[in-house]
Amino acid sequence: MKLLITTLLLISNLALFAQSNQFSGEYTRSLSEEGKHIIEYKLTLNQDGTFLFHSYTKIQGGIPPEVNKYGKGKWSAKDNMVTFSSDKNEDFDTKYTLDFNNSIARFVTKNPRDKSDKIVKTKLQFLESEIFWMKRIDIFKV
């Protein structure tokens, strides 16, 4: 009986780990107007459940002209939703200042049953965030 329970627990843990592999990886988005403005986002979801985020903004005539913002913390996935959290004691310092608490993104990919030629880029679409400029941002998987 113990062997059966241990086997079932091992299989369920492997299934959960395999699901997180689907989400983990690098996501980027670049918005620019040639010669004037550049906005770049880079999000890395690690397999261990941690993430790193970098936002780079270069605005012609902006004060300051270039801005780098960073965030880090933990992420978890359930169904197609990815939830982000940041611990005030561990994830914030002078470099990492973005607060991803209460941030939720939807994982969007082409349905495996869809056999059409339609191209759907794998992405995270942020639905909720206390960072006002993150709402409705799509970040595409590399």
N, C-alpha and C. Protein backbone atom coordinates (compact mmCIF):
# COMPACT_ATOMS: atom_id res chain seq x y z
N MET A 1 0.82 -1.19 0.00
CA MET A 1 0.00 0.00 0.00
C MET A 1 0.87 1.26 0.00
N LYS A 2 1.94 1.25 0.83
CA LYS A 2 2.84 2.39 0.87
C LYS A 2 3.50 2.62 -0.49
N LEU A 3 3.85 1.53 -1.16
CA LEU A 3 4.47 1.63 -2.47
C LEU A 3 3.52 2.26 -3.48
N LEU A 4 2.26 1.89 -3.42
CA LEU A 4 1.26 2.44 -4.34
C LEU A 4 1.08 3.94 -4.10
N ILE A 5 0.99 4.35 -2.87
CA ILE A 5 0.82 5.77 -2.55
C ILE A 5 2.06 6.56 -2.97
N THR A 6 3.23 6.01 -2.70
CA THR A 6 4.48 6.68 -3.09
C THR A 6 4.55 6.83 -4.61
N THR A 7 4.17 5.81 -5.34
CA THR A 7 4.19 5.85 -6.80
C THR A 7 3.21 6.90 -7.32
N LEU A 8 2.02 6.97 -6.76
CA LEU A 8 1.04 7.97 -7.19
C LEU A 8 1.53 9.39 -6.92
N LEU A 9 2.14 9.60 -5.77
CA LEU A 9 2.68 10.92 -5.45
C LEU A 9 3.81 11.31 -6.40
N LEU A 10 4.66 10.36 -6.72
CA LEU A 10 5.76 10.62 -7.65
C LEU A 10 5.23 10.98 -9.04
N ILE A 11 4.25 10.26 -9.51
CA ILE A 11 3.67 10.54 -10.84
C ILE A 11 3.00 11.91 -10.86
N SER A 12 2.27 12.26 -9.80
CA SER A 12 1.61 13.57 -9.77
C SER A 12 2.64 14.69 -9.72
N ASN A 13 3.74 14.51 -8.99
CA ASN A 13 4.79 15.53 -8.95
C ASN A 13 5.47 15.68 -10.30
N LEU A 14 5.68 14.59 -11.00
CA LEU A 14 6.27 14.66 -12.34
C LEU A 14 5.35 15.40 -13.30
N ALA A 15 4.06 15.16 -13.18
CA ALA A 15 3.09 15.85 -14.05
C ALA A 15 3.10 17.35 -13.77
N LEU A 16 3.19 17.75 -12.51
CA LEU A 16 3.25 19.17 -12.18
C LEU A 16 4.54 19.80 -12.69
N PHE A 17 5.65 19.09 -12.56
CA PHE A 17 6.93 19.60 -13.03
C PHE A 17 6.92 19.76 -14.55
N ALA A 18 6.34 18.81 -15.25
CA ALA A 18 6.27 18.87 -16.71
C ALA A 18 5.44 20.06 -17.15
N GLN A 19 4.38 20.38 -16.41
CA GLN A 19 3.54 21.51 -16.76
C GLN A 19 4.30 22.82 -16.60
N SER A 20 5.12 22.95 -15.57
CA SER A 20 5.85 24.19 -15.38
C SER A 20 6.90 24.39 -16.48
N ASN A 21 7.39 23.30 -17.06
CA ASN A 21 8.32 23.43 -18.18
C ASN A 21 7.67 24.11 -19.37
N GLN A 22 6.38 23.93 -19.53
CA GLN A 22 5.65 24.55 -20.62
C GLN A 22 5.71 26.07 -20.51
N PHE A 23 5.65 26.59 -19.31
CA PHE A 23 5.63 28.03 -19.08
C PHE A 23 7.02 28.64 -18.99
N SER A 24 7.98 27.89 -18.45
CA SER A 24 9.30 28.46 -18.20
C SER A 24 10.01 28.80 -19.51
N GLY A 25 10.88 29.80 -19.43
CA GLY A 25 11.62 30.26 -20.60
C GLY A 25 11.72 31.77 -20.60
N GLU A 26 12.18 32.30 -21.73
CA GLU A 26 12.35 33.75 -21.87
C GLU A 26 11.23 34.33 -22.73
N TYR A 27 10.74 35.47 -22.28
CA TYR A 27 9.70 36.21 -22.99
C TYR A 27 10.21 37.63 -23.22
N THR A 28 9.98 38.17 -24.41
CA THR A 28 10.44 39.52 -24.71
C THR A 28 9.38 40.29 -25.48
N ARG A 29 9.50 41.59 -25.44
CA ARG A 29 8.65 42.48 -26.24
C ARG A 29 9.43 43.75 -26.47
N SER A 30 9.45 44.20 -27.71
CA SER A 30 10.15 45.43 -28.06
C SER A 30 9.20 46.33 -28.82
N LEU A 31 9.03 47.54 -28.34
CA LEU A 31 8.20 48.55 -29.00
C LEU A 31 9.12 49.71 -29.33
N SER A 32 9.14 50.12 -30.58
CA SER A 32 10.03 51.22 -30.91
C SER A 32 9.50 52.02 -32.10
N GLU A 33 9.91 53.27 -32.11
CA GLU A 33 9.66 54.15 -33.22
C GLU A 33 11.05 54.54 -33.72
N GLU A 34 11.32 54.24 -34.97
CA GLU A 34 12.67 54.33 -35.50
C GLU A 34 13.34 55.67 -35.19
N GLY A 35 14.47 55.59 -34.49
CA GLY A 35 15.26 56.76 -34.18
C GLY A 35 14.74 57.61 -33.05
N LYS A 36 13.59 57.27 -32.47
CA LYS A 36 13.02 58.13 -31.43
C LYS A 36 12.88 57.44 -30.09
N HIS A 37 12.08 56.39 -30.05
CA HIS A 37 11.75 55.78 -28.77
C HIS A 37 11.99 54.28 -28.81
N ILE A 38 12.42 53.73 -27.67
CA ILE A 38 12.60 52.28 -27.53
C ILE A 38 12.04 51.88 -26.17
N ILE A 39 11.18 50.86 -26.18
CA ILE A 39 10.69 50.26 -24.94
C ILE A 39 10.86 48.76 -25.09
N GLU A 40 11.62 48.16 -24.18
CA GLU A 40 11.88 46.71 -24.25
C GLU A 40 11.56 46.07 -22.90
N TYR A 41 10.93 44.90 -22.98
CA TYR A 41 10.63 44.12 -21.79
C TYR A 41 11.26 42.75 -21.95
N LYS A 42 11.84 42.23 -20.88
CA LYS A 42 12.38 40.88 -20.88
C LYS A 42 11.98 40.21 -19.57
N LEU A 43 11.31 39.06 -19.69
CA LEU A 43 10.87 38.30 -18.53
C LEU A 43 11.41 36.89 -18.66
N THR A 44 12.08 36.42 -17.62
CA THR A 44 12.61 35.06 -17.59
C THR A 44 11.90 34.29 -16.48
N LEU A 45 11.19 33.22 -16.87
CA LEU A 45 10.55 32.33 -15.92
C LEU A 45 11.44 31.11 -15.76
N ASN A 46 12.03 30.95 -14.60
CA ASN A 46 12.92 29.82 -14.34
C ASN A 46 12.10 28.60 -13.90
N GLN A 47 12.65 27.42 -14.16
CA GLN A 47 11.96 26.18 -13.81
C GLN A 47 11.81 26.00 -12.31
N ASP A 48 12.62 26.66 -11.52
CA ASP A 48 12.52 26.53 -10.07
C ASP A 48 11.43 27.41 -9.47
N GLY A 49 10.64 28.09 -10.31
CA GLY A 49 9.53 28.91 -9.83
C GLY A 49 9.90 30.34 -9.53
N THR A 50 11.09 30.78 -9.95
CA THR A 50 11.48 32.17 -9.76
C THR A 50 11.44 32.89 -11.10
N PHE A 51 11.40 34.22 -11.05
CA PHE A 51 11.42 34.99 -12.29
C PHE A 51 12.28 36.23 -12.13
N LEU A 52 12.75 36.74 -13.27
CA LEU A 52 13.47 38.01 -13.35
C LEU A 52 12.82 38.84 -14.45
N PHE A 53 12.65 40.13 -14.21
CA PHE A 53 12.04 41.03 -15.19
C PHE A 53 12.93 42.25 -15.36
N HIS A 54 13.09 42.68 -16.63
CA HIS A 54 13.86 43.89 -16.93
C HIS A 54 13.09 44.72 -17.93
N SER A 55 12.93 46.00 -17.63
CA SER A 55 12.29 46.94 -18.53
C SER A 55 13.31 48.02 -18.87
N TYR A 56 13.49 48.25 -20.17
CA TYR A 56 14.42 49.28 -20.63
C TYR A 56 13.63 50.28 -21.47
N THR A 57 13.74 51.56 -21.13
CA THR A 57 13.04 52.60 -21.87
C THR A 57 14.03 53.69 -22.25
N LYS A 58 14.01 54.04 -23.54
CA LYS A 58 14.84 55.15 -24.03
C LYS A 58 13.89 56.05 -24.83
N ILE A 59 13.62 57.23 -24.28
CA ILE A 59 12.68 58.16 -24.88
C ILE A 59 13.44 59.42 -25.28
N GLN A 60 13.34 59.78 -26.55
CA GLN A 60 14.01 60.98 -27.03
C GLN A 60 13.38 62.20 -26.34
N GLY A 61 14.20 62.97 -25.68
CA GLY A 61 13.73 64.15 -24.96
C GLY A 61 13.20 63.83 -23.58
N GLY A 62 13.26 62.57 -23.17
CA GLY A 62 12.77 62.17 -21.86
C GLY A 62 13.73 62.58 -20.76
N ILE A 63 13.21 62.68 -19.55
CA ILE A 63 14.04 63.02 -18.40
C ILE A 63 13.83 61.94 -17.35
N PRO A 64 14.77 61.09 -17.07
CA PRO A 64 16.03 60.88 -17.78
C PRO A 64 15.78 60.19 -19.12
N PRO A 65 16.73 60.30 -20.05
CA PRO A 65 16.51 59.73 -21.38
C PRO A 65 16.45 58.20 -21.40
N GLU A 66 17.15 57.54 -20.49
CA GLU A 66 17.14 56.08 -20.42
C GLU A 66 16.77 55.64 -19.01
N VAL A 67 15.88 54.63 -18.93
CA VAL A 67 15.44 54.12 -17.63
C VAL A 67 15.48 52.60 -17.67
N ASN A 68 16.10 52.00 -16.66
CA ASN A 68 16.10 50.55 -16.46
C ASN A 68 15.34 50.26 -15.18
N LYS A 69 14.40 49.33 -15.25
CA LYS A 69 13.65 48.91 -14.08
C LYS A 69 13.71 47.40 -13.99
N TYR A 70 13.83 46.90 -12.77
CA TYR A 70 13.99 45.46 -12.57
C TYR A 70 12.99 44.96 -11.53
N GLY A 71 12.62 43.69 -11.68
CA GLY A 71 11.77 43.03 -10.71
C GLY A 71 12.13 41.56 -10.63
N LYS A 72 11.87 40.96 -9.50
CA LYS A 72 12.09 39.53 -9.34
C LYS A 72 11.15 38.99 -8.29
N GLY A 73 11.03 37.67 -8.27
CA GLY A 73 10.15 37.05 -7.29
C GLY A 73 9.87 35.61 -7.67
N LYS A 74 8.66 35.16 -7.33
CA LYS A 74 8.26 33.79 -7.59
C LYS A 74 7.03 33.78 -8.49
N TRP A 75 6.88 32.70 -9.26
CA TRP A 75 5.71 32.54 -10.09
C TRP A 75 5.15 31.13 -9.91
N SER A 76 3.85 31.01 -10.15
CA SER A 76 3.20 29.70 -10.11
C SER A 76 2.14 29.67 -11.19
N ALA A 77 1.83 28.47 -11.68
CA ALA A 77 0.88 28.33 -12.76
C ALA A 77 -0.24 27.37 -12.37
N LYS A 78 -1.43 27.73 -12.76
CA LYS A 78 -2.59 26.86 -12.60
C LYS A 78 -3.43 27.04 -13.85
N ASP A 79 -3.70 25.93 -14.51
CA ASP A 79 -4.37 25.94 -15.81
C ASP A 79 -3.53 26.81 -16.76
N ASN A 80 -4.09 27.86 -17.32
CA ASN A 80 -3.34 28.74 -18.22
C ASN A 80 -3.02 30.08 -17.57
N MET A 81 -3.15 30.16 -16.26
CA MET A 81 -2.91 31.42 -15.56
C MET A 81 -1.60 31.34 -14.78
N VAL A 82 -0.81 32.38 -14.90
CA VAL A 82 0.46 32.48 -14.19
C VAL A 82 0.34 33.62 -13.19
N THR A 83 0.61 33.31 -11.92
CA THR A 83 0.51 34.29 -10.85
C THR A 83 1.91 34.63 -10.36
N PHE A 84 2.17 35.92 -10.19
CA PHE A 84 3.47 36.41 -9.76
C PHE A 84 3.38 36.96 -8.34
N SER A 85 4.46 36.79 -7.59
CA SER A 85 4.51 37.37 -6.24
C SER A 85 5.95 37.77 -5.94
N SER A 86 6.07 38.78 -5.09
CA SER A 86 7.38 39.27 -4.67
C SER A 86 7.37 39.41 -3.16
N ASP A 87 8.43 38.95 -2.53
CA ASP A 87 8.57 39.03 -1.08
C ASP A 87 9.30 40.33 -0.75
N LYS A 88 8.68 41.15 0.08
CA LYS A 88 9.26 42.46 0.42
C LYS A 88 10.65 42.34 1.04
N ASN A 89 10.90 41.25 1.78
CA ASN A 89 12.19 41.09 2.46
C ASN A 89 13.27 40.51 1.55
N GLU A 90 12.90 39.64 0.63
CA GLU A 90 13.89 38.93 -0.19
C GLU A 90 14.08 39.51 -1.59
N ASP A 91 13.01 40.02 -2.20
CA ASP A 91 13.04 40.36 -3.61
C ASP A 91 13.23 41.84 -3.93
N PHE A 92 13.31 42.68 -2.92
CA PHE A 92 13.45 44.11 -3.16
C PHE A 92 14.79 44.60 -2.63
N ASP A 93 15.46 45.44 -3.42
CA ASP A 93 16.66 46.15 -3.00
C ASP A 93 16.77 47.39 -3.88
N THR A 94 17.95 47.98 -3.94
CA THR A 94 18.09 49.21 -4.73
C THR A 94 17.93 48.97 -6.22
N LYS A 95 18.24 47.75 -6.70
CA LYS A 95 18.10 47.44 -8.12
C LYS A 95 16.71 46.91 -8.45
N TYR A 96 16.22 45.96 -7.68
CA TYR A 96 14.93 45.32 -7.94
C TYR A 96 13.84 46.07 -7.18
N THR A 97 13.12 46.94 -7.88
CA THR A 97 12.14 47.80 -7.23
C THR A 97 10.70 47.56 -7.69
N LEU A 98 10.49 46.82 -8.77
CA LEU A 98 9.13 46.59 -9.27
C LEU A 98 8.40 45.56 -8.42
N ASP A 99 7.18 45.88 -8.02
CA ASP A 99 6.38 45.02 -7.17
C ASP A 99 5.38 44.23 -8.03
N PHE A 100 5.64 42.94 -8.21
CA PHE A 100 4.78 42.10 -9.03
C PHE A 100 3.69 41.40 -8.23
N ASN A 101 3.52 41.74 -6.96
CA ASN A 101 2.43 41.15 -6.19
C ASN A 101 1.10 41.45 -6.88
N ASN A 102 0.21 40.49 -6.85
CA ASN A 102 -1.12 40.61 -7.46
C ASN A 102 -1.06 40.75 -8.98
N SER A 103 0.02 40.31 -9.61
CA SER A 103 0.11 40.31 -11.07
C SER A 103 -0.29 38.93 -11.59
N ILE A 104 -1.16 38.93 -12.58
CA ILE A 104 -1.65 37.68 -13.17
C ILE A 104 -1.56 37.80 -14.68
N ALA A 105 -1.06 36.74 -15.31
CA ALA A 105 -0.94 36.71 -16.76
C ALA A 105 -1.56 35.42 -17.29
N ARG A 106 -2.09 35.50 -18.49
CA ARG A 106 -2.64 34.32 -19.16
C ARG A 106 -1.61 33.80 -20.14
N PHE A 107 -1.37 32.48 -20.11
CA PHE A 107 -0.47 31.82 -21.05
C PHE A 107 -1.28 31.49 -22.29
N VAL A 108 -0.87 32.03 -23.44
CA VAL A 108 -1.60 31.84 -24.69
C VAL A 108 -0.71 31.11 -25.68
N THR A 109 -1.23 30.02 -26.22
CA THR A 109 -0.51 29.25 -27.22
C THR A 109 -1.53 28.62 -28.17
N LYS A 110 -1.06 28.12 -29.28
CA LYS A 110 -1.97 27.48 -30.24
C LYS A 110 -2.46 26.16 -29.64
N ASN A 111 -3.75 25.95 -29.74
CA ASN A 111 -4.35 24.73 -29.24
C ASN A 111 -3.81 23.54 -30.02
N PRO A 112 -3.36 22.48 -29.36
CA PRO A 112 -2.81 21.32 -30.08
C PRO A 112 -3.83 20.65 -31.00
N ARG A 113 -5.11 20.86 -30.74
CA ARG A 113 -6.14 20.28 -31.61
C ARG A 113 -6.39 21.11 -32.85
N ASP A 114 -5.85 22.35 -32.88
CA ASP A 114 -6.03 23.22 -34.03
C ASP A 114 -5.04 22.81 -35.12
N LYS A 115 -5.54 22.24 -36.18
CA LYS A 115 -4.68 21.74 -37.27
C LYS A 115 -4.59 22.73 -38.43
N SER A 116 -5.10 23.94 -38.25
CA SER A 116 -5.04 24.94 -39.32
C SER A 116 -3.63 25.52 -39.44
N ASP A 117 -3.42 26.30 -40.48
CA ASP A 117 -2.13 26.95 -40.72
C ASP A 117 -1.98 28.25 -39.93
N LYS A 118 -2.98 28.57 -39.13
CA LYS A 118 -2.96 29.80 -38.36
C LYS A 118 -1.75 29.81 -37.41
N ILE A 119 -1.03 30.91 -37.41
CA ILE A 119 0.15 31.05 -36.55
C ILE A 119 -0.26 31.80 -35.29
N VAL A 120 -0.04 31.17 -34.15
CA VAL A 120 -0.30 31.81 -32.86
C VAL A 120 1.01 31.80 -32.08
N LYS A 121 1.54 33.01 -31.85
CA LYS A 121 2.78 33.11 -31.09
C LYS A 121 2.49 32.83 -29.61
N THR A 122 3.35 32.03 -29.00
CA THR A 122 3.21 31.74 -27.57
C THR A 122 3.56 33.01 -26.80
N LYS A 123 2.68 33.37 -25.85
CA LYS A 123 2.89 34.63 -25.14
C LYS A 123 2.28 34.58 -23.75
N LEU A 124 2.66 35.54 -22.94
CA LEU A 124 2.01 35.83 -21.68
C LEU A 124 1.30 37.17 -21.85
N GLN A 125 0.01 37.18 -21.54
CA GLN A 125 -0.77 38.41 -21.62
C GLN A 125 -1.13 38.81 -20.19
N PHE A 126 -0.59 39.92 -19.74
CA PHE A 126 -0.84 40.37 -18.37
C PHE A 126 -2.26 40.92 -18.27
N LEU A 127 -3.03 40.35 -17.35
CA LEU A 127 -4.41 40.76 -17.14
C LEU A 127 -4.56 41.72 -15.97
N GLU A 128 -3.79 41.45 -14.92
CA GLU A 128 -3.85 42.29 -13.72
C GLU A 128 -2.43 42.56 -13.24
N SER A 129 -2.23 43.77 -12.74
CA SER A 129 -0.95 44.11 -12.14
C SER A 129 -1.08 45.45 -11.43
N GLU A 130 -0.37 45.58 -10.32
CA GLU A 130 -0.33 46.86 -9.64
C GLU A 130 0.65 47.81 -10.33
N ILE A 131 1.44 47.28 -11.25
CA ILE A 131 2.31 48.11 -12.10
C ILE A 131 1.42 48.55 -13.26
N PHE A 132 1.02 49.81 -13.29
CA PHE A 132 -0.04 50.25 -14.20
C PHE A 132 0.29 50.01 -15.68
N TRP A 133 1.55 50.09 -16.07
CA TRP A 133 1.90 49.93 -17.47
C TRP A 133 2.05 48.47 -17.88
N MET A 134 1.90 47.53 -16.94
CA MET A 134 1.97 46.10 -17.28
C MET A 134 0.62 45.53 -17.69
N LYS A 135 -0.48 46.19 -17.36
CA LYS A 135 -1.80 45.69 -17.70
C LYS A 135 -1.95 45.64 -19.22
N ARG A 136 -2.41 44.50 -19.69
CA ARG A 136 -2.68 44.25 -21.12
C ARG A 136 -1.42 44.22 -21.99
N ILE A 137 -0.25 44.06 -21.39
CA ILE A 137 0.99 43.91 -22.15
C ILE A 137 1.13 42.45 -22.55
N ASP A 138 1.45 42.21 -23.82
CA ASP A 138 1.76 40.87 -24.30
C ASP A 138 3.27 40.73 -24.41
N ILE A 139 3.81 39.67 -23.81
CA ILE A 139 5.24 39.39 -23.89
C ILE A 139 5.39 38.02 -24.54
N PHE A 140 6.12 37.95 -25.65
CA PHE A 140 6.19 36.76 -26.47
C PHE A 140 7.37 35.87 -26.10
N LYS A 141 7.13 34.55 -26.14
CA LYS A 141 8.16 33.58 -25.79
C LYS A 141 9.18 33.49 -26.91
N VAL A 142 10.45 33.46 -26.52
CA VAL A 142 11.54 33.39 -27.48
C VAL A 142 11.78 31.94 -27.86
